Amino acid sequence: MRNKMELGLLSLAALAAGLVLAGPALAATEEIVVEAPRVETMPATAQTGGAQVNLISIRYRVAYADLDLATHSGALALQKRIDDTAAKACKEIDKLYPIGAPSSDKDCVKAAKNSAMAKANEAIAAAEAKAKK
């Protein structure tokens, strides 16, 4: 009886571990990460001996499981979600880590959109290829 109970608990633990491990893999196929980057340069001090550069970023996930990416309207909807999310992320990072340069907001949004759209284009191409089969 004890062996069956231990085996049952081990099976349950293995199942739970499998679900945890599979979760990110499944989610990766249904969402795009939009990352707003911010490079912060701190002036040189006697303690650091040189300028200190920090890369700060905020990440948001954009879900698209509800969209048919094989259609033009689905692809456009994903692009709009990415555009809106990139603007939101850059606004948030500017609020948390202001640097005061207006052009940096445009650069931030562009960088966030470009990175995310590269992944979105892969998902769109895969959906279109699957629809042709």
Protein backbone atom coordinates (compact mmCIF):
# COMPACT_ATOMS: atom_id res chain seq x y z
CA MET A 1 0.00 0.00 0.00
CA ARG A 2 2.79 2.37 0.94
CA ASN A 3 4.62 1.76 -2.36
CA LYS A 4 1.49 2.51 -4.35
CA MET A 5 0.95 5.72 -2.40
CA GLU A 6 4.58 6.82 -2.93
CA LEU A 7 4.31 5.93 -6.62
CA GLY A 8 1.11 7.93 -6.87
CA LEU A 9 2.71 10.95 -5.24
CA LEU A 10 5.75 10.67 -7.50
CA SER A 11 3.50 10.47 -10.55
CA LEU A 12 1.55 13.50 -9.38
CA ALA A 13 4.79 15.41 -8.76
CA ALA A 14 6.11 14.45 -12.21
CA LEU A 15 2.84 15.53 -13.81
CA ALA A 16 2.96 18.87 -12.00
CA ALA A 17 6.58 19.40 -13.02
CA GLY A 18 5.68 18.57 -16.62
CA LEU A 19 2.88 21.11 -16.62
CA VAL A 20 5.16 23.78 -15.17
CA LEU A 21 7.83 23.04 -17.76
CA ALA A 22 5.35 22.88 -20.62
CA GLY A 23 3.59 26.10 -19.57
CA PRO A 24 6.21 28.54 -20.90
CA ALA A 25 6.61 26.54 -24.10
CA LEU A 26 2.89 26.67 -24.77
CA ALA A 27 2.64 30.33 -23.85
CA ALA A 28 5.55 31.20 -26.13
CA THR A 29 3.49 30.14 -29.14
CA GLU A 30 0.54 32.31 -28.18
CA GLU A 31 2.19 35.54 -27.06
CA ILE A 32 4.83 38.05 -28.05
CA VAL A 33 7.08 39.82 -25.56
CA VAL A 34 7.34 43.58 -26.05
CA GLU A 35 10.43 44.93 -24.31
CA ALA A 36 11.00 48.65 -23.82
CA PRO A 37 14.73 49.29 -23.38
CA ARG A 38 16.37 52.18 -21.56
CA VAL A 39 20.10 52.74 -21.38
CA GLU A 40 21.06 54.80 -18.38
CA THR A 41 24.57 56.24 -18.22
CA MET A 42 25.87 57.39 -14.87
CA PRO A 43 28.79 59.82 -14.84
CA ALA A 44 32.23 58.69 -13.80
CA THR A 45 33.08 59.03 -10.13
CA ALA A 46 36.15 58.42 -8.05
CA GLN A 47 34.57 55.20 -6.75
CA THR A 48 33.67 53.74 -10.16
CA GLY A 49 36.68 55.04 -12.07
CA GLY A 50 34.56 55.39 -15.21
CA ALA A 51 31.06 55.84 -16.48
CA GLN A 52 28.55 53.23 -15.43
CA VAL A 53 26.04 52.03 -18.00
CA ASN A 54 22.84 50.25 -16.96
CA LEU A 55 20.37 48.60 -19.31
CA ILE A 56 16.87 48.83 -17.91
CA SER A 57 13.83 47.33 -19.56
CA ILE A 58 10.15 46.72 -19.02
CA ARG A 59 8.49 43.71 -20.60
CA TYR A 60 4.85 43.21 -21.43
CA ARG A 61 3.31 40.13 -23.01
CA VAL A 62 0.90 40.46 -25.91
CA ALA A 63 -1.45 37.51 -26.31
CA TYR A 64 -2.73 36.54 -29.74
CA ALA A 65 -4.38 33.16 -29.21
CA ASP A 66 -7.72 34.78 -30.04
CA LEU A 67 -6.50 36.05 -33.43
CA ASP A 68 -6.34 34.22 -36.75
CA LEU A 69 -2.89 35.33 -37.89
CA ALA A 70 -3.41 33.74 -41.30
CA THR A 71 -5.82 36.58 -42.13
CA HIS A 72 -4.88 40.16 -42.92
CA SER A 73 -7.18 41.48 -40.19
CA GLY A 74 -5.65 39.13 -37.60
CA ALA A 75 -2.11 40.19 -38.50
CA LEU A 76 -3.12 43.87 -38.34
CA ALA A 77 -4.77 43.36 -34.95
CA LEU A 78 -1.57 41.81 -33.60
CA GLN A 79 0.48 44.68 -34.98
CA LYS A 80 -1.85 47.20 -33.31
CA ARG A 81 -1.58 45.36 -29.99
CA ILE A 82 2.20 45.46 -30.28
CA ASP A 83 2.22 49.17 -31.21
CA ASP A 84 -0.05 50.05 -28.29
CA THR A 85 1.92 47.91 -25.86
CA ALA A 86 5.27 49.36 -26.99
CA ALA A 87 3.96 52.89 -26.40
CA LYS A 88 2.60 51.88 -22.99
CA ALA A 89 5.87 50.19 -21.96
CA CYS A 90 7.97 53.16 -23.05
CA LYS A 91 5.68 55.56 -21.19
CA GLU A 92 6.03 53.43 -18.07
CA ILE A 93 9.81 53.20 -18.28
CA ASP A 94 10.03 56.95 -18.88
CA LYS A 95 7.92 57.53 -15.79
CA LEU A 96 10.09 55.22 -13.67
CA TYR A 97 13.47 56.25 -15.14
CA PRO A 98 13.13 59.69 -16.76
CA ILE A 99 16.02 60.99 -18.84
CA GLY A 100 14.27 64.03 -20.26
CA ALA A 101 15.10 63.62 -23.95
CA PRO A 102 11.93 63.64 -26.09
CA SER A 103 13.58 61.78 -28.96
CA SER A 104 14.37 58.88 -26.66
CA ASP A 105 10.64 58.07 -26.44
CA LYS A 106 10.43 57.60 -30.21
CA ASP A 107 13.61 55.51 -30.13
CA CYS A 108 12.24 53.41 -27.29
CA VAL A 109 8.94 52.73 -29.06
CA LYS A 110 10.73 51.93 -32.32
CA ALA A 111 13.12 49.49 -30.62
CA ALA A 112 10.32 47.81 -28.68
CA LYS A 113 8.14 47.47 -31.80
CA ASN A 114 10.94 46.21 -34.05
CA SER A 115 11.96 43.46 -31.67
CA ALA A 116 8.39 42.31 -31.07
CA MET A 117 7.37 42.53 -34.74
CA ALA A 118 10.24 40.24 -35.71
CA LYS A 119 8.65 37.53 -33.54
CA ALA A 120 5.15 38.47 -34.70
CA ASN A 121 6.18 38.11 -38.35
CA GLU A 122 7.46 34.61 -37.59
CA ALA A 123 4.12 33.71 -35.99
CA ILE A 124 2.19 35.23 -38.91
CA ALA A 125 4.28 33.32 -41.46
CA ALA A 126 3.76 30.08 -39.55
CA ALA A 127 -0.02 30.67 -39.40
CA GLU A 128 -0.16 31.45 -43.13
CA ALA A 129 1.87 28.33 -43.97
CA LYS A 130 -0.40 26.18 -41.80
CA ALA A 131 -3.52 27.64 -43.42
CA LYS A 132 -2.22 26.77 -46.92
CA LYS A 133 -1.94 23.08 -46.04
